[in-house]
Amino acid sequence: MQNACERHRKIDKEALKQAVAEKPDAFLKEYAEQFDCTPTAVCYALEKFNITRKKKTFTYSEKSEREREEFTARLKRVPQNKRAYVDESA
């Protein structure tokens, strides 16, 4: 028998962890449909259970397949030991 103060939770912690592990790039709406609740409830559950997810979006407004192919072709002409990669995130 449940205590009067206990609430039944629609979102099981382990099931949510598994769902995020299987599809970390899913939208909150997708998780909500899976657990039959609202996206807000999923957001709160993720916070409460300390489940983090990173959603990477690789969009650039001026991307060009042709320019990417040209760059890749030029890059292939540069030997591996002569290449330098710069991280601008800091």
C-alpha atoms as a PDB file:
ATOM      1  CA  MET A   1       0.000   0.000   0.000  1.00  0.00           C
ATOM      2  CA  GLN A   2       1.311   3.426  -0.921  1.00  0.00           C
ATOM      3  CA  ASN A   3       1.903   6.120   1.639  1.00  0.00           C
ATOM      4  CA  ALA A   4      -0.496   9.062   1.274  1.00  0.00           C
ATOM      5  CA  CYS A   5       2.468  11.349   0.530  1.00  0.00           C
ATOM      6  CA  GLU A   6       3.971   9.110  -2.166  1.00  0.00           C
ATOM      7  CA  ARG A   7       3.206   9.906  -5.763  1.00  0.00           C
ATOM      8  CA  HIS A   8       3.091   7.445  -8.581  1.00  0.00           C
ATOM      9  CA  ARG A   9       5.635   8.500 -11.190  1.00  0.00           C
ATOM     10  CA  LYS A  10       4.983   7.847 -14.838  1.00  0.00           C
ATOM     11  CA  ILE A  11       8.648   8.035 -15.685  1.00  0.00           C
ATOM     12  CA  ASP A  12      10.792   5.220 -14.351  1.00  0.00           C
ATOM     13  CA  LYS A  13      14.375   6.352 -13.708  1.00  0.00           C
ATOM     14  CA  GLU A  14      16.005   3.279 -15.229  1.00  0.00           C
ATOM     15  CA  ALA A  15      13.712   3.296 -18.246  1.00  0.00           C
ATOM     16  CA  LEU A  16      14.507   6.971 -18.857  1.00  0.00           C
ATOM     17  CA  LYS A  17      18.240   6.312 -18.541  1.00  0.00           C
ATOM     18  CA  GLN A  18      17.925   3.498 -21.056  1.00  0.00           C
ATOM     19  CA  ALA A  19      15.890   5.633 -23.465  1.00  0.00           C
ATOM     20  CA  VAL A  20      18.493   8.419 -23.351  1.00  0.00           C
ATOM     21  CA  ALA A  21      21.342   5.925 -23.787  1.00  0.00           C
ATOM     22  CA  GLU A  22      19.646   4.359 -26.806  1.00  0.00           C
ATOM     23  CA  LYS A  23      18.710   7.647 -28.450  1.00  0.00           C
ATOM     24  CA  PRO A  24      20.556  10.603 -26.853  1.00  0.00           C
ATOM     25  CA  ASP A  25      19.638  12.968 -29.673  1.00  0.00           C
ATOM     26  CA  ALA A  26      15.868  12.541 -29.275  1.00  0.00           C
ATOM     27  CA  PHE A  27      13.711  15.541 -28.546  1.00  0.00           C
ATOM     28  CA  LEU A  28      11.891  15.853 -25.216  1.00  0.00           C
ATOM     29  CA  LYS A  29       8.651  15.441 -27.154  1.00  0.00           C
ATOM     30  CA  GLU A  30       9.791  12.003 -28.346  1.00  0.00           C
ATOM     31  CA  TYR A  31      10.612  10.880 -24.803  1.00  0.00           C
ATOM     32  CA  ALA A  32       7.261  12.278 -23.628  1.00  0.00           C
ATOM     33  CA  GLU A  33       5.401  10.192 -26.199  1.00  0.00           C
ATOM     34  CA  GLN A  34       7.318   7.114 -25.059  1.00  0.00           C
ATOM     35  CA  PHE A  35       6.423   7.689 -21.392  1.00  0.00           C
ATOM     36  CA  ASP A  36       2.915   9.073 -22.018  1.00  0.00           C
ATOM     37  CA  CYS A  37       3.557  12.418 -20.354  1.00  0.00           C
ATOM     38  CA  THR A  38       4.463  15.991 -21.262  1.00  0.00           C
ATOM     39  CA  PRO A  39       7.882  17.206 -22.460  1.00  0.00           C
ATOM     40  CA  THR A  40       8.022  19.344 -19.316  1.00  0.00           C
ATOM     41  CA  ALA A  41       7.656  16.238 -17.145  1.00  0.00           C
ATOM     42  CA  VAL A  42      10.537  14.617 -19.033  1.00  0.00           C
ATOM     43  CA  CYS A  43      12.669  17.718 -18.531  1.00  0.00           C
ATOM     44  CA  TYR A  44      11.978  17.713 -14.788  1.00  0.00           C
ATOM     45  CA  ALA A  45      12.688  13.978 -14.572  1.00  0.00           C
ATOM     46  CA  LEU A  46      16.016  14.379 -16.390  1.00  0.00           C
ATOM     47  CA  GLU A  47      16.992  17.105 -13.923  1.00  0.00           C
ATOM     48  CA  LYS A  48      15.733  15.197 -10.875  1.00  0.00           C
ATOM     49  CA  PHE A  49      17.532  12.000 -11.851  1.00  0.00           C
ATOM     50  CA  ASN A  50      20.686  13.919 -12.905  1.00  0.00           C
ATOM     51  CA  ILE A  51      20.538  12.455 -16.390  1.00  0.00           C
ATOM     52  CA  THR A  52      22.405  14.610 -18.861  1.00  0.00           C
ATOM     53  CA  ARG A  53      22.259  14.511 -22.602  1.00  0.00           C
ATOM     54  CA  LYS A  54      24.056  16.493 -25.210  1.00  0.00           C
ATOM     55  CA  LYS A  55      22.350  17.393 -28.413  1.00  0.00           C
ATOM     56  CA  LYS A  56      24.811  18.374 -31.090  1.00  0.00           C
ATOM     57  CA  THR A  57      23.538  20.164 -34.118  1.00  0.00           C
ATOM     58  CA  PHE A  58      25.889  20.663 -36.996  1.00  0.00           C
ATOM     59  CA  THR A  59      24.149  23.357 -38.956  1.00  0.00           C
ATOM     60  CA  TYR A  60      25.736  26.264 -40.680  1.00  0.00           C
ATOM     61  CA  SER A  61      23.699  28.719 -42.669  1.00  0.00           C
ATOM     62  CA  GLU A  62      26.192  28.976 -45.507  1.00  0.00           C
ATOM     63  CA  LYS A  63      27.266  25.354 -45.893  1.00  0.00           C
ATOM     64  CA  SER A  64      28.112  24.169 -49.368  1.00  0.00           C
ATOM     65  CA  GLU A  65      28.689  20.555 -50.405  1.00  0.00           C
ATOM     66  CA  ARG A  66      30.846  21.673 -53.317  1.00  0.00           C
ATOM     67  CA  GLU A  67      33.133  23.740 -51.094  1.00  0.00           C
ATOM     68  CA  ARG A  68      33.328  20.890 -48.570  1.00  0.00           C
ATOM     69  CA  GLU A  69      34.383  18.476 -51.316  1.00  0.00           C
ATOM     70  CA  GLU A  70      37.015  20.949 -52.568  1.00  0.00           C
ATOM     71  CA  PHE A  71      38.401  21.398 -49.058  1.00  0.00           C
ATOM     72  CA  THR A  72      38.510  17.626 -48.476  1.00  0.00           C
ATOM     73  CA  ALA A  73      40.377  17.145 -51.751  1.00  0.00           C
ATOM     74  CA  ARG A  74      42.942  19.847 -50.801  1.00  0.00           C
ATOM     75  CA  LEU A  75      43.303  18.356 -47.323  1.00  0.00           C
ATOM     76  CA  LYS A  76      44.108  14.919 -48.752  1.00  0.00           C
ATOM     77  CA  ARG A  77      47.156  16.441 -50.483  1.00  0.00           C
ATOM     78  CA  VAL A  78      48.591  17.564 -47.113  1.00  0.00           C
ATOM     79  CA  PRO A  79      50.566  14.811 -45.316  1.00  0.00           C
ATOM     80  CA  GLN A  80      49.124  13.721 -41.930  1.00  0.00           C
ATOM     81  CA  ASN A  81      52.265  14.799 -40.034  1.00  0.00           C
ATOM     82  CA  LYS A  82      52.042  18.335 -41.508  1.00  0.00           C
ATOM     83  CA  ARG A  83      48.434  18.974 -40.463  1.00  0.00           C
ATOM     84  CA  ALA A  84      47.548  21.205 -37.508  1.00  0.00           C
ATOM     85  CA  TYR A  85      44.076  21.318 -35.965  1.00  0.00           C
ATOM     86  CA  VAL A  86      42.936  24.336 -33.995  1.00  0.00           C
ATOM     87  CA  ASP A  87      40.232  24.227 -31.356  1.00  0.00           C
ATOM     88  CA  GLU A  88      38.445  27.564 -31.073  1.00  0.00           C
ATOM     89  CA  SER A  89      36.043  26.575 -28.312  1.00  0.00           C
ATOM     90  CA  ALA A  90      37.999  28.169 -25.443  1.00  0.00           C
END
